[in-house]
Amino acid sequence: SLFPDVTWIQGSPWEHLKVIEGTFDAVVMNPPYGGVVCLDSAKGILNTKSARSEYLFLETAVRCLKPRGVLVALAPYNFLDKIAKGDRENFEYLMEVVDVNKDDHSPFYLTGIKVCMFVLEKR
């Protein structure tokens, strides 16, 4: 087997959240941005006030991390600035921003959106 120590789970992460919550050492993500399509399965499972896909994926990633787990997100430069106020307090309680390469953000060549890499650690 190519990855003998990996357990593959197919389907919506929200369907399996009880199984995968708190089990990851690291999450690397480039979540979909601005969408609200196909996210009905997350309703009633996640706590975020936002219906935007990037924040549903952010909460999912944070919940899947173990304490001291690391989250790396490729995201628009203002990703963390746009977290809804009620969600921001919870996010800041759970996560510490380790690094953001805002000085070096450059437009994503397909969209022209300025992106950077966020490195966060779960408390």
Protein backbone atom coordinates (compact mmCIF):
# COMPACT_ATOMS: atom_id res chain seq x y z
CA SER A 1 0.00 0.00 0.00
CA LEU A 2 1.26 3.48 -0.85
CA PHE A 3 0.22 4.96 2.53
CA PRO A 4 -0.07 2.06 5.02
CA ASP A 5 -0.61 4.33 8.06
CA VAL A 6 -3.39 6.39 6.51
CA THR A 7 -7.08 5.84 7.00
CA TRP A 8 -9.06 7.18 4.06
CA ILE A 9 -12.56 8.52 4.74
CA GLN A 10 -14.71 9.37 1.76
CA GLY A 11 -17.71 11.66 1.74
CA SER A 12 -18.60 14.87 3.49
CA PRO A 13 -16.30 15.75 6.39
CA TRP A 14 -19.36 16.80 8.35
CA GLU A 15 -20.87 13.31 8.12
CA HIS A 16 -17.71 11.96 9.79
CA LEU A 17 -16.89 14.83 12.16
CA LYS A 18 -17.52 12.81 15.33
CA VAL A 19 -14.95 10.24 14.15
CA ILE A 20 -12.26 12.67 12.96
CA GLU A 21 -12.66 15.50 15.49
CA GLY A 22 -9.46 16.08 17.47
CA THR A 23 -7.46 13.45 15.58
CA PHE A 24 -5.22 15.42 13.19
CA ASP A 25 -1.71 16.69 13.90
CA ALA A 26 -1.91 19.01 10.90
CA VAL A 27 -4.35 20.25 8.29
CA VAL A 28 -3.29 21.88 5.02
CA MET A 29 -6.14 23.49 3.13
CA ASN A 30 -7.10 25.70 0.27
CA PRO A 31 -10.82 25.94 0.99
CA PRO A 32 -13.40 27.07 -1.55
CA TYR A 33 -14.19 30.77 -1.09
CA GLY A 34 -17.46 32.62 -1.15
CA GLY A 35 -19.60 29.63 -1.96
CA VAL A 36 -22.72 28.45 -0.21
CA VAL A 37 -23.59 25.61 -2.57
CA CYS A 38 -23.56 21.99 -1.35
CA LEU A 39 -23.10 22.95 2.29
CA ASP A 40 -26.48 21.83 3.59
CA SER A 41 -24.90 18.79 5.23
CA ALA A 42 -22.93 21.13 7.54
CA LYS A 43 -26.03 22.79 8.98
CA GLY A 44 -26.77 21.73 12.53
CA ILE A 45 -23.28 20.23 12.91
CA LEU A 46 -21.07 23.32 12.84
CA ASN A 47 -21.30 26.31 15.16
CA THR A 48 -20.19 29.08 12.80
CA LYS A 49 -22.60 31.92 12.15
CA SER A 50 -21.31 32.26 8.59
CA ALA A 51 -22.84 30.46 5.64
CA ARG A 52 -19.72 31.08 3.55
CA SER A 53 -17.81 27.97 2.63
CA GLU A 54 -14.37 29.18 3.68
CA TYR A 55 -15.48 29.62 7.30
CA LEU A 56 -17.32 26.29 7.38
CA PHE A 57 -14.10 24.63 6.24
CA LEU A 58 -12.08 26.68 8.75
CA GLU A 59 -14.23 25.50 11.67
CA THR A 60 -14.07 21.93 10.40
CA ALA A 61 -10.27 22.06 10.18
CA VAL A 62 -9.93 23.56 13.67
CA ARG A 63 -12.23 20.95 15.17
CA CYS A 64 -10.28 18.12 13.51
CA LEU A 65 -6.96 19.26 14.99
CA LYS A 66 -5.45 17.86 18.16
CA PRO A 67 -4.27 20.39 20.77
CA ARG A 68 -1.05 22.01 19.43
CA GLY A 69 -2.03 20.85 15.93
CA VAL A 70 -1.05 23.07 13.02
CA LEU A 71 -3.32 24.50 10.35
CA VAL A 72 -1.85 25.88 7.13
CA ALA A 73 -4.31 27.70 4.90
CA LEU A 74 -3.77 29.21 1.49
CA ALA A 75 -6.32 32.02 1.52
CA PRO A 76 -7.08 35.58 0.47
CA TYR A 77 -4.94 38.10 2.36
CA ASN A 78 -7.95 39.28 4.42
CA PHE A 79 -9.18 35.78 5.32
CA LEU A 80 -8.89 36.15 9.11
CA ASP A 81 -10.01 39.78 9.09
CA LYS A 82 -13.38 38.81 7.65
CA ILE A 83 -14.37 36.22 10.26
CA ALA A 84 -17.79 37.16 11.68
CA LYS A 85 -17.63 38.86 15.10
CA GLY A 86 -19.29 36.01 17.03
CA ASP A 87 -17.07 33.44 15.34
CA ARG A 88 -13.93 35.53 15.83
CA GLU A 89 -14.05 35.26 19.64
CA ASN A 90 -14.31 31.48 19.48
CA PHE A 91 -11.59 31.27 16.83
CA GLU A 92 -9.17 33.46 18.83
CA TYR A 93 -9.83 31.34 21.93
CA LEU A 94 -9.00 28.13 20.05
CA MET A 95 -6.22 29.21 17.70
CA GLU A 96 -2.99 31.19 17.77
CA VAL A 97 -1.69 32.83 14.60
CA VAL A 98 1.91 31.66 14.20
CA ASP A 99 2.73 33.26 10.85
CA VAL A 100 1.12 35.07 7.95
CA ASN A 101 3.15 35.92 4.89
CA LYS A 102 1.13 39.05 4.05
CA ASP A 103 4.27 40.90 2.95
CA ASP A 104 4.73 38.46 0.11
CA HIS A 105 1.15 37.91 -1.06
CA SER A 106 0.72 37.87 -4.77
CA PRO A 107 -2.30 37.47 -7.03
CA PHE A 108 -3.41 33.91 -7.68
CA TYR A 109 -2.86 33.64 -11.42
CA LEU A 110 -6.31 32.21 -12.23
CA THR A 111 -8.38 34.75 -10.28
CA GLY A 112 -6.19 37.77 -9.60
CA ILE A 113 -7.07 37.53 -5.89
CA LYS A 114 -4.16 38.30 -3.57
CA VAL A 115 -3.47 35.20 -1.48
CA CYS A 116 -1.07 34.35 1.29
CA MET A 117 -0.30 31.46 3.60
CA PHE A 118 -1.63 31.45 7.16
CA VAL A 119 0.00 29.19 9.75
CA LEU A 120 -2.05 28.66 12.90
CA GLU A 121 -1.72 26.47 15.97
CA LYS A 122 -4.54 25.08 18.08
CA ARG A 123 -4.30 25.98 21.75
